Amino acid sequence: MENLPLHLILGYLIGSLPFAVIVSKAFGLADPREHGSGNPGATNVLRTGHKTAAALTLLGDAAKGWLAMLLAAKLGADGTAQAFVGLAAFLGHLFPVFLRFRGGKGVATALGVLIGLDGWLAAGALLAWLATALISRYSSLAALVAASVAPLFALASHGVGATSAVVVAMCALLIWRHRANIRRLLAGTESKIGQKA
């Protein structure tokens, strides 16, 4: 895995790009860190009522996970290295150097990494998210369900290896980042999808 440290740094920096903040500024919206959940992510941008900005944030956050892996592949990284570059991009989103290491929860970026790892694996996780979101109207619960089933899908289709290790690590971190949401869900005070700040 030649040049792996360089690839990991590149992945982390790409993951650190805060699309929620960038898009919100471009549309003249309030900083997403200053309203709603305070999370710089698509769901919180949606709370401003601006669906286009939220959609662009979602696309940007997902694309950076996939793009980091694509660039690593173009630079000669093998499959195992690409998987860890995806994890580095995910960590960049969670702990971005450009936002003093206070980032989002990683749902969209994790999806982008899953796309880079295995399209079918990404589709399974996305279906789990969509089904839960449609039934419950809670984005956080949908993310928790998807994060719970994705490692099972990965292990079933790829066995024990780099792909499954990255998926397990991402999903564990994603669930940990949602610990406040878990408390609000249990208390019945969690905001639903589209609920304005």
Protein backbone atom coordinates (compact mmCIF):
# COMPACT_ATOMS: atom_id res chain seq x y z
CA MET A 1 0.00 0.00 0.00
CA GLU A 2 2.49 2.55 -1.27
CA ASN A 3 1.73 6.23 -0.50
CA LEU A 4 -1.07 5.21 1.89
CA PRO A 5 -0.36 8.09 4.35
CA LEU A 6 -0.68 10.62 1.51
CA HIS A 7 -3.91 9.01 0.33
CA LEU A 8 -5.32 9.04 3.86
CA ILE A 9 -4.49 12.73 4.32
CA LEU A 10 -6.11 13.56 0.98
CA GLY A 11 -9.20 11.58 1.95
CA TYR A 12 -9.41 13.32 5.31
CA LEU A 13 -9.11 16.79 3.74
CA ILE A 14 -11.80 16.03 1.16
CA GLY A 15 -14.05 14.71 3.93
CA SER A 16 -13.43 17.88 5.93
CA LEU A 17 -15.12 20.09 3.33
CA PRO A 18 -18.22 21.41 5.19
CA PHE A 19 -20.87 21.43 2.48
CA ALA A 20 -23.66 22.38 4.91
CA VAL A 21 -21.81 25.60 5.73
CA ILE A 22 -20.65 26.23 2.15
CA VAL A 23 -24.11 25.73 0.64
CA SER A 24 -25.86 27.72 3.38
CA LYS A 25 -23.56 30.68 2.77
CA ALA A 26 -24.09 30.42 -0.99
CA PHE A 27 -27.87 30.59 -0.50
CA GLY A 28 -27.71 33.33 2.14
CA LEU A 29 -29.04 31.03 4.85
CA ALA A 30 -28.16 30.99 8.53
CA ASP A 31 -25.13 28.97 9.56
CA PRO A 32 -26.52 25.46 10.26
CA ARG A 33 -24.40 25.30 13.41
CA GLU A 34 -26.44 28.14 14.91
CA HIS A 35 -29.96 26.67 14.71
CA GLY A 36 -31.89 23.43 15.08
CA SER A 37 -29.64 20.63 16.25
CA GLY A 38 -26.51 22.68 15.54
CA ASN A 39 -25.31 19.88 13.27
CA PRO A 40 -23.63 20.90 9.98
CA GLY A 41 -25.54 18.41 7.85
CA ALA A 42 -28.33 18.15 5.29
CA THR A 43 -31.11 17.43 7.79
CA ASN A 44 -30.36 20.60 9.72
CA VAL A 45 -30.12 22.65 6.51
CA LEU A 46 -33.57 21.30 5.62
CA ARG A 47 -34.88 22.84 8.85
CA THR A 48 -34.40 26.27 7.24
CA GLY A 49 -37.15 25.26 4.80
CA HIS A 50 -34.78 25.44 1.80
CA LYS A 51 -35.07 22.05 0.12
CA THR A 52 -32.63 22.84 -2.71
CA ALA A 53 -29.89 23.81 -0.26
CA ALA A 54 -30.54 20.65 1.75
CA ALA A 55 -30.39 18.48 -1.38
CA LEU A 56 -27.11 20.07 -2.50
CA THR A 57 -25.66 19.56 0.97
CA LEU A 58 -26.71 15.91 0.88
CA LEU A 59 -25.15 15.40 -2.56
CA GLY A 60 -21.95 17.18 -1.60
CA ASP A 61 -21.50 15.24 1.62
CA ALA A 62 -22.15 11.92 -0.12
CA ALA A 63 -19.95 12.78 -3.11
CA LYS A 64 -16.90 13.56 -1.01
CA GLY A 65 -16.84 10.05 0.47
CA TRP A 66 -17.02 8.49 -2.98
CA LEU A 67 -14.67 11.06 -4.58
CA ALA A 68 -11.92 10.49 -2.04
CA MET A 69 -11.91 6.79 -2.89
CA LEU A 70 -12.01 7.45 -6.64
CA LEU A 71 -9.03 9.80 -6.45
CA ALA A 72 -7.11 7.29 -4.36
CA ALA A 73 -7.79 4.65 -7.03
CA LYS A 74 -6.59 7.03 -9.76
CA LEU A 75 -3.40 7.59 -7.74
CA GLY A 76 -2.76 3.85 -7.63
CA ALA A 77 -4.28 2.78 -4.31
CA ASP A 78 -5.43 -0.83 -4.15
CA GLY A 79 -8.83 -1.92 -2.90
CA THR A 80 -7.81 -2.18 0.74
CA ALA A 81 -6.20 1.27 0.69
CA GLN A 82 -9.27 2.74 -1.02
CA ALA A 83 -11.48 1.37 1.76
CA PHE A 84 -9.36 3.07 4.42
CA VAL A 85 -9.28 6.30 2.41
CA GLY A 86 -13.07 6.19 2.53
CA LEU A 87 -12.89 5.84 6.30
CA ALA A 88 -10.49 8.82 6.41
CA ALA A 89 -13.02 10.91 4.45
CA PHE A 90 -15.74 9.87 6.90
CA LEU A 91 -13.53 10.90 9.83
CA GLY A 92 -12.89 14.19 8.04
CA HIS A 93 -16.62 14.86 7.99
CA LEU A 94 -16.99 14.00 11.69
CA PHE A 95 -13.88 15.92 12.78
CA PRO A 96 -13.18 18.51 10.04
CA VAL A 97 -10.03 20.57 10.32
CA PHE A 98 -11.89 23.48 8.66
CA LEU A 99 -14.52 23.62 11.45
CA ARG A 100 -12.19 23.14 14.42
CA PHE A 101 -12.94 19.40 14.40
CA ARG A 102 -16.68 19.90 15.06
CA GLY A 103 -18.44 18.26 12.15
CA GLY A 104 -21.59 16.44 11.21
CA LYS A 105 -22.84 12.98 12.01
CA GLY A 106 -21.68 11.37 8.80
CA VAL A 107 -24.80 9.76 7.36
CA ALA A 108 -24.46 11.09 3.80
CA THR A 109 -20.68 10.71 3.77
CA ALA A 110 -21.00 7.12 4.98
CA LEU A 111 -23.39 6.47 2.08
CA GLY A 112 -20.82 7.86 -0.34
CA VAL A 113 -18.17 5.56 1.09
CA LEU A 114 -20.53 2.58 0.84
CA ILE A 115 -21.10 3.44 -2.83
CA GLY A 116 -17.34 3.41 -3.33
CA LEU A 117 -17.04 0.06 -1.55
CA ASP A 118 -20.00 -1.78 -3.05
CA GLY A 119 -23.06 -0.34 -4.80
CA TRP A 120 -25.31 -3.17 -3.62
CA LEU A 121 -24.21 -2.67 -0.03
CA ALA A 122 -25.01 1.05 -0.35
CA ALA A 123 -28.41 0.24 -1.87
CA GLY A 124 -29.28 -2.07 1.04
CA ALA A 125 -28.36 0.55 3.63
CA LEU A 126 -30.22 3.26 1.70
CA LEU A 127 -33.36 1.12 1.49
CA ALA A 128 -33.22 0.55 5.26
CA TRP A 129 -32.89 4.32 5.77
CA LEU A 130 -35.74 5.16 3.39
CA ALA A 131 -38.14 2.59 4.82
CA THR A 132 -37.52 3.75 8.39
CA ALA A 133 -37.72 7.44 7.45
CA LEU A 134 -40.99 6.98 5.57
CA ILE A 135 -42.59 5.10 8.44
CA SER A 136 -41.25 7.11 11.39
CA ARG A 137 -40.41 10.53 9.86
CA TYR A 138 -37.27 10.55 12.03
CA SER A 139 -34.02 11.00 10.12
CA SER A 140 -31.98 10.01 13.16
CA LEU A 141 -33.87 6.75 13.68
CA ALA A 142 -33.47 5.94 9.99
CA ALA A 143 -29.72 6.52 10.29
CA LEU A 144 -29.51 4.29 13.36
CA VAL A 145 -31.39 1.47 11.63
CA ALA A 146 -29.23 1.74 8.50
CA ALA A 147 -26.06 1.81 10.63
CA SER A 148 -27.23 -1.31 12.46
CA VAL A 149 -27.91 -3.38 9.34
CA ALA A 150 -25.04 -2.22 7.09
CA PRO A 151 -22.35 -4.19 8.98
CA LEU A 152 -24.48 -7.33 8.69
CA PHE A 153 -24.82 -6.78 4.93
CA ALA A 154 -21.06 -6.19 4.65
CA LEU A 155 -20.13 -9.32 6.57
CA ALA A 156 -22.63 -11.42 4.62
CA SER A 157 -21.37 -10.24 1.23
CA HIS A 158 -17.66 -9.61 1.89
CA GLY A 159 -16.77 -11.67 4.94
CA VAL A 160 -14.08 -10.52 7.36
CA GLY A 161 -11.74 -8.06 5.67
CA ALA A 162 -11.03 -4.41 4.93
CA THR A 163 -14.50 -3.65 3.54
CA SER A 164 -16.33 -5.07 6.54
CA ALA A 165 -13.86 -3.48 8.97
CA VAL A 166 -14.44 -0.04 7.46
CA VAL A 167 -18.22 -0.49 7.46
CA VAL A 168 -18.25 -1.64 11.11
CA ALA A 169 -16.02 1.26 12.17
CA MET A 170 -18.12 3.84 10.31
CA CYS A 171 -21.40 2.52 11.66
CA ALA A 172 -20.13 2.33 15.23
CA LEU A 173 -18.98 5.96 15.01
CA LEU A 174 -22.23 6.99 13.35
CA ILE A 175 -24.28 5.45 16.17
CA TRP A 176 -22.01 7.11 18.75
CA ARG A 177 -22.49 10.49 17.04
CA HIS A 178 -26.26 10.01 17.37
CA ARG A 179 -26.20 9.46 21.14
CA ALA A 180 -28.01 12.77 21.80
CA ASN A 181 -30.63 11.82 19.19
CA ILE A 182 -31.11 8.47 20.93
CA ARG A 183 -31.83 10.28 24.19
CA ARG A 184 -34.34 12.58 22.44
CA LEU A 185 -36.00 9.66 20.67
CA LEU A 186 -36.46 7.89 23.98
CA ALA A 187 -37.84 11.09 25.52
CA GLY A 188 -40.16 11.75 22.58
CA THR A 189 -38.61 15.16 21.85
CA GLU A 190 -36.71 14.40 18.63
CA SER A 191 -37.49 16.64 15.63
CA LYS A 192 -39.04 15.01 12.57
CA ILE A 193 -37.88 15.34 8.98
CA GLY A 194 -38.70 18.75 7.55
CA GLN A 195 -39.58 20.27 10.90
CA LYS A 196 -38.37 23.86 10.83
CA ALA A 197 -35.93 25.21 13.36
